Amino acid sequence: MRAYGLASFAVAVLICGAIGGCSAQITQSAQAKACTASADGNDALQAKLAACANVLKQGAKGDDLEQALAQRGEAKRLLSDDKGAVADFDQALRLKPGDTIALNGRGLAYLDDGKPDLALADFNAAIRANPGDSTGFDNRGYFERTRNDYTAAITDQSRAIELEPTEALPWANRGYDYAGKRQWDSAIADFSDALRLARRYPYAQEGRAEAERGKGDTKAALKDYEAALGDPHTDNALADAEAVVELSPAGDPDALNIRCWVRGVNNTELPEGLADCQQSLATRPTSAATLDSLALIYFRQGRFNDAITQYTAALAVDPTQEDSQYMRGIAKLRAGDKAGADADIEAATAADKTIAGRFAGYGLKP
């Protein structure tokens, strides 16, 4: 999903379930199921896109055709192909004018493409087509927040919450609306409700941190920023890491390591990341976590032998740090030591079955 600062998860991902959404008549072939399935991440979205294209090539008709177009449009939108998404949504809406998936999807694509009037018209049409679906209210509320119309946004998000009280997204969005009005306590309450519904939710965690910071509760804000960085590979991770450094004591080695690690994971600002890790190690030279972060910076810079040296140093301090062993294996592979690489990768994978998938999410693969 394209980012809007801290609002990168502010709009609904439209897949199936709404009235006027996925047809019960869709052929339950493997391709049709893949086309209508929820997808997250570039690889999954590309697979969804290909599946929908195959459904269309197979000569889908009627509702099957309309839904394949709507779902392909949604995949294109999430892959930031706004114009391609609009073209697919246009075709779907010619076949079924009241399809809320296509209306909401086209509205979001228009919003991404800098056409707010067309976006608003689609959100309004989606609400008229199905006033019992929370998605249109949620998206229109988000649109209103982008225009700083927080009062209208709160009204729409409140309606979305009434319709789908167990969905975390409207609660988090309304939290941002209250934060926009500097009503910190109301914002914190809504973000907390969102986090009760979806515990691992960086969007809400970041929002609550911002509200706590606005209220002056530095300790709580710092805790939430750090929690949001449980996955450092998010749209707002660097901003969160910056906030951790700003709210921590000057020169705090843990905060500097966090910012170094985030820069390494996201492969950005590598010289600054190097400086962060070096400053952190100047205070605490035997930190296995910071040695690991420094190694990642070297790896991203193509300095594979230096990375291997730092990963080895990290493992000397903490031999159970599987992440360091796994990445040392990848660094060895890049340096031409296949036997050493295989040994490290196999040992790390045996200790942590999730490690390969986790690092693949950062773009780090053998």
Protein backbone atom coordinates (compact mmCIF):
# COMPACT_ATOMS: atom_id res chain seq x y z
CA MET A 1 0.00 0.00 0.00
CA ARG A 2 1.34 3.40 -0.80
CA ALA A 3 2.35 5.42 2.23
CA TYR A 4 0.83 8.66 3.47
CA GLY A 5 3.32 9.33 6.25
CA LEU A 6 1.95 7.72 9.39
CA ALA A 7 -1.23 6.94 7.44
CA SER A 8 0.30 4.13 5.42
CA PHE A 9 -2.30 1.67 6.68
CA ALA A 10 -5.15 4.15 6.85
CA VAL A 11 -7.34 2.77 4.10
CA ALA A 12 -9.04 -0.56 3.80
CA VAL A 13 -7.62 -3.33 1.66
CA LEU A 14 -10.57 -4.37 -0.45
CA ILE A 15 -10.76 -8.07 -1.19
CA CYS A 16 -14.05 -9.91 -0.56
CA GLY A 17 -16.98 -9.92 1.77
CA ALA A 18 -18.92 -6.72 1.22
CA ILE A 19 -22.39 -6.76 -0.30
CA GLY A 20 -21.87 -6.18 -3.98
CA GLY A 21 -18.39 -7.59 -3.49
CA CYS A 22 -17.21 -11.07 -4.39
CA SER A 23 -19.75 -13.08 -6.35
CA ALA A 24 -20.82 -16.43 -4.96
CA GLN A 25 -20.83 -17.64 -8.54
CA ILE A 26 -17.07 -17.34 -9.09
CA THR A 27 -15.70 -20.62 -10.38
CA GLN A 28 -13.75 -22.24 -7.57
CA SER A 29 -10.72 -23.04 -9.67
CA ALA A 30 -7.26 -22.58 -8.23
CA GLN A 31 -6.76 -19.45 -10.36
CA ALA A 32 -10.09 -17.96 -9.32
CA LYS A 33 -9.34 -18.58 -5.65
CA ALA A 34 -5.89 -17.01 -6.01
CA CYS A 35 -7.41 -14.02 -7.80
CA THR A 36 -9.92 -13.31 -5.01
CA ALA A 37 -7.64 -14.17 -2.09
CA SER A 38 -6.24 -11.55 0.24
CA ALA A 39 -2.66 -10.61 -0.60
CA ASP A 40 0.03 -8.66 1.22
CA GLY A 41 3.53 -7.87 0.03
CA ASN A 42 4.91 -7.47 -3.45
CA ASP A 43 5.35 -11.19 -4.25
CA ALA A 44 1.84 -12.11 -3.12
CA LEU A 45 0.32 -9.20 -5.02
CA GLN A 46 2.19 -10.14 -8.18
CA ALA A 47 0.84 -13.69 -7.82
CA LYS A 48 -2.69 -12.32 -7.35
CA LEU A 49 -2.27 -10.13 -10.42
CA ALA A 50 -1.13 -13.10 -12.51
CA ALA A 51 -4.01 -15.26 -11.27
CA CYS A 52 -6.60 -12.62 -12.19
CA ALA A 53 -5.00 -12.22 -15.62
CA ASN A 54 -5.28 -15.97 -16.14
CA VAL A 55 -8.95 -15.94 -15.13
CA LEU A 56 -9.58 -13.23 -17.72
CA LYS A 57 -7.63 -15.14 -20.39
CA GLN A 58 -9.77 -18.20 -19.72
CA GLY A 59 -12.81 -16.26 -20.93
CA ALA A 60 -14.56 -15.36 -17.69
CA LYS A 61 -18.08 -14.00 -18.17
CA GLY A 62 -20.75 -12.25 -16.14
CA ASP A 63 -20.01 -11.90 -12.44
CA ASP A 64 -16.79 -13.89 -12.84
CA LEU A 65 -15.52 -11.35 -15.37
CA GLU A 66 -16.53 -8.37 -13.26
CA GLN A 67 -14.92 -9.72 -10.12
CA ALA A 68 -11.69 -10.69 -11.88
CA LEU A 69 -11.43 -7.13 -13.19
CA ALA A 70 -12.17 -5.63 -9.76
CA GLN A 71 -9.66 -7.89 -8.03
CA ARG A 72 -7.00 -7.25 -10.66
CA GLY A 73 -7.63 -3.53 -10.23
CA GLU A 74 -7.12 -3.88 -6.50
CA ALA A 75 -3.84 -5.72 -6.99
CA LYS A 76 -2.65 -3.03 -9.39
CA ARG A 77 -3.62 -0.31 -6.92
CA LEU A 78 -1.68 -1.93 -4.11
CA LEU A 79 1.28 -2.21 -6.47
CA SER A 80 0.99 1.57 -7.11
CA ASP A 81 -0.23 1.23 -10.70
CA ASP A 82 -3.01 3.77 -10.21
CA LYS A 83 -3.87 4.30 -13.85
CA GLY A 84 -3.95 0.57 -14.58
CA ALA A 85 -6.12 0.07 -11.50
CA VAL A 86 -8.59 2.76 -12.59
CA ALA A 87 -8.86 1.16 -16.05
CA ASP A 88 -9.78 -2.19 -14.51
CA PHE A 89 -12.19 -0.65 -12.03
CA ASP A 90 -13.85 1.30 -14.87
CA GLN A 91 -14.48 -1.93 -16.76
CA ALA A 92 -15.79 -3.67 -13.64
CA LEU A 93 -18.18 -0.81 -12.88
CA ARG A 94 -19.55 -0.84 -16.41
CA LEU A 95 -20.55 -4.44 -15.73
CA LYS A 96 -21.80 -3.82 -12.17
CA PRO A 97 -22.20 -0.09 -11.36
CA GLY A 98 -22.82 -0.64 -7.64
CA ASP A 99 -19.84 -2.87 -6.87
CA THR A 100 -18.43 -1.41 -3.66
CA ILE A 101 -15.06 -3.14 -4.08
CA ALA A 102 -14.56 -1.38 -7.41
CA LEU A 103 -15.98 1.95 -6.20
CA ASN A 104 -13.83 2.05 -3.07
CA GLY A 105 -10.80 0.77 -4.95
CA ARG A 106 -11.15 3.34 -7.70
CA GLY A 107 -11.63 6.06 -5.10
CA LEU A 108 -8.38 5.10 -3.38
CA ALA A 109 -6.57 4.96 -6.73
CA TYR A 110 -7.88 8.42 -7.59
CA LEU A 111 -6.75 9.69 -4.20
CA ASP A 112 -3.26 8.27 -4.76
CA ASP A 113 -3.22 9.83 -8.22
CA GLY A 114 -4.01 13.32 -6.90
CA LYS A 115 -7.68 13.45 -7.98
CA PRO A 116 -9.51 14.09 -4.72
CA ASP A 117 -12.84 15.19 -6.21
CA LEU A 118 -13.15 11.93 -8.16
CA ALA A 119 -12.10 9.98 -5.07
CA LEU A 120 -14.79 11.59 -2.93
CA ALA A 121 -17.44 10.94 -5.58
CA ASP A 122 -16.56 7.22 -5.55
CA PHE A 123 -16.60 6.96 -1.75
CA ASN A 124 -20.01 8.67 -1.70
CA ALA A 125 -21.27 6.29 -4.38
CA ALA A 126 -20.00 3.29 -2.41
CA ILE A 127 -21.86 4.47 0.69
CA ARG A 128 -25.06 4.98 -1.32
CA ALA A 129 -24.70 1.54 -2.90
CA ASN A 130 -24.25 -0.17 0.47
CA PRO A 131 -24.77 2.02 3.56
CA GLY A 132 -24.32 -1.06 5.74
CA ASP A 133 -20.70 -1.53 4.66
CA SER A 134 -18.15 0.19 6.88
CA THR A 135 -15.48 0.43 4.16
CA GLY A 136 -16.94 3.45 2.38
CA PHE A 137 -17.28 5.40 5.64
CA ASP A 138 -13.76 4.44 6.68
CA ASN A 139 -12.28 5.56 3.36
CA ARG A 140 -14.29 8.77 3.25
CA GLY A 141 -13.20 9.51 6.81
CA TYR A 142 -9.59 9.04 5.80
CA PHE A 143 -10.14 11.33 2.80
CA GLU A 144 -11.58 14.00 5.11
CA ARG A 145 -8.57 13.73 7.39
CA THR A 146 -6.25 14.38 4.43
CA ARG A 147 -8.19 17.66 4.09
CA ASN A 148 -7.81 18.42 7.84
CA ASP A 149 -11.59 18.16 8.26
CA TYR A 150 -11.25 16.22 11.48
CA THR A 151 -14.83 16.73 12.66
CA ALA A 152 -16.30 15.17 9.51
CA ALA A 153 -13.68 12.43 9.64
CA ILE A 154 -14.62 11.53 13.22
CA THR A 155 -18.29 11.32 12.21
CA ASP A 156 -17.51 8.92 9.37
CA GLN A 157 -15.09 6.80 11.38
CA SER A 158 -17.61 6.58 14.21
CA ARG A 159 -20.17 5.23 11.75
CA ALA A 160 -17.61 2.71 10.47
CA ILE A 161 -16.99 1.60 14.07
CA GLU A 162 -20.74 1.18 14.66
CA LEU A 163 -20.96 -1.07 11.61
CA GLU A 164 -17.78 -3.09 12.30
CA PRO A 165 -16.87 -2.68 15.99
CA THR A 166 -14.34 -5.52 15.92
CA GLU A 167 -12.30 -4.04 13.04
CA ALA A 168 -9.15 -2.31 14.30
CA LEU A 169 -8.67 0.04 11.34
CA PRO A 170 -11.56 2.49 11.97
CA TRP A 171 -10.55 2.78 15.63
CA ALA A 172 -6.99 3.63 14.64
CA ASN A 173 -8.15 6.08 11.97
CA ARG A 174 -10.40 7.86 14.44
CA GLY A 175 -7.44 8.00 16.81
CA TYR A 176 -5.53 9.97 14.18
CA ASP A 177 -8.54 12.25 13.73
CA TYR A 178 -8.61 13.04 17.46
CA ALA A 179 -4.86 13.56 17.39
CA GLY A 180 -5.37 16.06 14.56
CA LYS A 181 -7.63 18.00 16.93
CA ARG A 182 -5.04 17.62 19.71
CA GLN A 183 -7.54 15.69 21.80
CA TRP A 184 -4.83 13.41 23.11
CA ASP A 185 -6.80 11.37 25.64
CA SER A 186 -9.49 10.46 23.09
CA ALA A 187 -6.79 9.58 20.56
CA ILE A 188 -4.94 7.36 23.04
CA ALA A 189 -8.19 5.59 23.96
CA ASP A 190 -8.99 4.81 20.31
CA PHE A 191 -5.46 3.62 19.54
CA SER A 192 -5.61 1.40 22.62
CA ASP A 193 -8.89 -0.11 21.41
CA ALA A 194 -7.32 -0.75 18.00
CA LEU A 195 -4.38 -2.50 19.67
CA ARG A 196 -6.70 -4.69 21.72
CA LEU A 197 -8.32 -5.83 18.48
CA ALA A 198 -5.04 -6.27 16.59
CA ARG A 199 -2.07 -6.61 18.93
CA ARG A 200 0.64 -6.43 16.26
CA TYR A 201 -0.39 -3.19 14.60
CA PRO A 202 2.42 -0.67 14.00
CA TYR A 203 0.01 1.89 12.52
CA ALA A 204 -1.90 2.13 15.81
CA GLN A 205 1.26 1.78 17.92
CA GLU A 206 2.84 4.72 16.09
CA GLY A 207 -0.31 6.78 16.46
CA ARG A 208 -0.54 6.16 20.19
CA ALA A 209 3.11 7.10 20.53
CA GLU A 210 2.46 10.37 18.69
CA ALA A 211 -0.51 11.13 20.94
CA GLU A 212 1.45 10.28 24.10
CA ARG A 213 4.26 12.50 22.88
CA GLY A 214 1.78 15.31 22.23
CA LYS A 215 0.43 14.88 25.74
CA GLY A 216 3.95 15.03 27.18
CA ASP A 217 4.15 11.39 28.34
CA THR A 218 7.66 10.71 27.04
CA LYS A 219 8.08 7.36 28.81
CA ALA A 220 4.92 5.87 27.32
CA ALA A 221 5.68 7.32 23.87
CA LEU A 222 9.16 5.81 23.85
CA LYS A 223 7.77 2.40 24.77
CA ASP A 224 5.22 2.53 21.94
CA TYR A 225 7.73 3.72 19.35
CA GLU A 226 10.00 0.83 20.26
CA ALA A 227 7.08 -1.62 20.10
CA ALA A 228 6.15 -0.36 16.64
CA LEU A 229 9.69 -1.20 15.54
CA GLY A 230 9.19 -4.90 16.25
CA ASP A 231 9.12 -5.05 12.46
CA PRO A 232 11.73 -2.52 11.30
CA HIS A 233 10.77 -2.94 7.65
CA THR A 234 7.73 -0.64 7.57
CA ASP A 235 6.97 2.61 5.81
CA ASN A 236 7.45 4.68 8.96
CA ALA A 237 10.21 2.71 10.66
CA LEU A 238 12.90 5.35 10.22
CA ALA A 239 10.64 8.08 11.58
CA ASP A 240 9.91 5.86 14.59
CA ALA A 241 13.63 5.23 15.10
CA GLU A 242 14.30 8.98 14.90
CA ALA A 243 11.68 9.52 17.58
CA VAL A 244 13.32 6.89 19.81
CA VAL A 245 16.67 8.72 19.52
CA GLU A 246 15.05 12.11 20.18
CA LEU A 247 13.21 10.89 23.28
CA SER A 248 16.15 8.96 24.73
CA PRO A 249 19.08 10.47 26.65
CA ALA A 250 21.75 11.96 24.39
CA GLY A 251 24.09 9.30 23.06
CA ASP A 252 21.99 6.41 24.38
CA PRO A 253 23.61 3.29 22.84
CA ASP A 254 20.36 1.32 22.59
CA ALA A 255 18.57 4.12 20.73
CA LEU A 256 21.51 4.60 18.37
CA ASN A 257 21.61 0.87 17.68
CA ILE A 258 17.90 0.88 16.89
CA ARG A 259 18.35 3.63 14.31
CA CYS A 260 21.42 1.91 12.86
CA TRP A 261 19.50 -1.38 12.53
CA VAL A 262 16.50 0.27 10.87
CA ARG A 263 18.75 2.01 8.36
CA GLY A 264 20.43 -1.30 7.60
CA VAL A 265 17.20 -3.24 7.21
CA ASN A 266 15.74 -0.61 4.90
CA ASN A 267 19.03 -0.15 3.03
CA THR A 268 18.92 3.61 3.42
CA GLU A 269 21.20 6.32 4.85
CA LEU A 270 24.00 3.78 5.25
CA PRO A 271 26.78 6.28 6.14
CA GLU A 272 24.54 7.69 8.87
CA GLY A 273 23.77 4.14 10.03
CA LEU A 274 27.46 3.39 10.21
CA ALA A 275 27.99 6.48 12.35
CA ASP A 276 25.12 5.44 14.66
CA CYS A 277 26.58 1.97 15.21
CA GLN A 278 30.10 3.28 15.74
CA GLN A 279 28.88 5.83 18.30
CA SER A 280 26.86 3.12 20.08
CA LEU A 281 29.85 0.78 20.19
CA ALA A 282 32.07 3.55 21.54
CA THR A 283 29.91 3.45 24.67
CA ARG A 284 29.27 -0.31 24.72
CA PRO A 285 31.87 -2.07 22.55
CA THR A 286 30.79 -5.65 23.29
CA SER A 287 27.08 -5.32 22.47
CA ALA A 288 26.16 -8.34 20.33
CA ALA A 289 23.08 -6.52 19.02
CA THR A 290 25.05 -3.50 17.85
CA LEU A 291 27.84 -5.61 16.34
CA ASP A 292 25.11 -7.39 14.38
CA SER A 293 23.68 -4.04 13.20
CA LEU A 294 27.11 -2.81 12.16
CA ALA A 295 27.63 -6.02 10.20
CA LEU A 296 24.36 -5.42 8.36
CA ILE A 297 25.47 -1.92 7.37
CA TYR A 298 28.71 -3.38 5.99
CA PHE A 299 26.75 -6.06 4.16
CA ARG A 300 24.49 -3.46 2.54
CA GLN A 301 27.59 -1.55 1.46
CA GLY A 302 28.98 -4.67 -0.22
CA ARG A 303 31.78 -4.99 2.33
CA PHE A 304 31.17 -8.70 2.86
CA ASN A 305 34.44 -9.57 4.59
CA ASP A 306 33.95 -6.71 7.06
CA ALA A 307 30.41 -7.95 7.64
CA ILE A 308 31.68 -11.48 8.33
CA THR A 309 34.17 -10.10 10.86
CA GLN A 310 31.45 -8.22 12.75
CA TYR A 311 28.98 -11.12 12.66
CA THR A 312 31.73 -13.36 14.06
CA ALA A 313 32.37 -10.83 16.82
CA ALA A 314 28.64 -10.73 17.63
CA LEU A 315 28.51 -14.52 17.85
CA ALA A 316 31.57 -14.56 20.11
CA VAL A 317 29.58 -12.44 22.57
CA ASP A 318 26.30 -14.31 22.08
CA PRO A 319 26.59 -17.70 20.31
CA THR A 320 22.79 -18.12 20.40
CA GLN A 321 22.17 -15.09 18.16
CA GLU A 322 20.81 -17.01 15.16
CA ASP A 323 20.21 -13.85 13.14
CA SER A 324 23.93 -13.13 13.12
CA GLN A 325 24.75 -16.68 12.08
CA TYR A 326 22.19 -16.65 9.28
CA MET A 327 23.42 -13.33 7.90
CA ARG A 328 27.04 -14.42 8.28
CA GLY A 329 26.13 -17.34 6.05
CA ILE A 330 24.70 -15.02 3.39
CA ALA A 331 27.78 -12.78 3.65
CA LYS A 332 30.04 -15.81 3.25
CA LEU A 333 28.09 -16.83 0.18
CA ARG A 334 28.62 -13.37 -1.33
CA ALA A 335 32.33 -13.62 -0.47
CA GLY A 336 32.66 -16.99 -2.24
CA ASP A 337 32.78 -19.32 0.77
CA LYS A 338 29.91 -21.69 -0.13
CA ALA A 339 30.82 -24.41 2.37
CA GLY A 340 30.99 -21.93 5.24
CA ALA A 341 27.80 -20.28 4.06
CA ASP A 342 25.89 -23.56 3.93
CA ALA A 343 27.01 -24.51 7.43
CA ASP A 344 25.92 -21.18 8.94
CA ILE A 345 22.59 -21.02 7.11
CA GLU A 346 21.69 -24.62 7.95
CA ALA A 347 22.54 -24.17 11.62
CA ALA A 348 20.59 -20.92 11.93
CA THR A 349 17.58 -22.34 10.10
CA ALA A 350 17.59 -25.44 12.31
CA ALA A 351 17.49 -23.19 15.39
CA ASP A 352 14.79 -20.85 14.03
CA LYS A 353 12.44 -22.16 11.36
CA THR A 354 11.07 -18.66 10.65
CA ILE A 355 14.41 -16.99 10.01
CA ALA A 356 14.55 -17.38 6.22
CA GLY A 357 11.08 -15.92 5.71
CA ARG A 358 11.76 -13.06 8.08
CA PHE A 359 14.95 -11.98 6.35
CA ALA A 360 13.40 -12.51 2.92
CA GLY A 361 10.90 -9.84 3.95
CA TYR A 362 13.86 -7.48 4.28
CA GLY A 363 15.12 -8.44 0.82
CA LEU A 364 17.93 -10.55 2.31
CA LYS A 365 18.14 -14.00 0.76
CA PRO A 366 20.98 -16.52 0.20
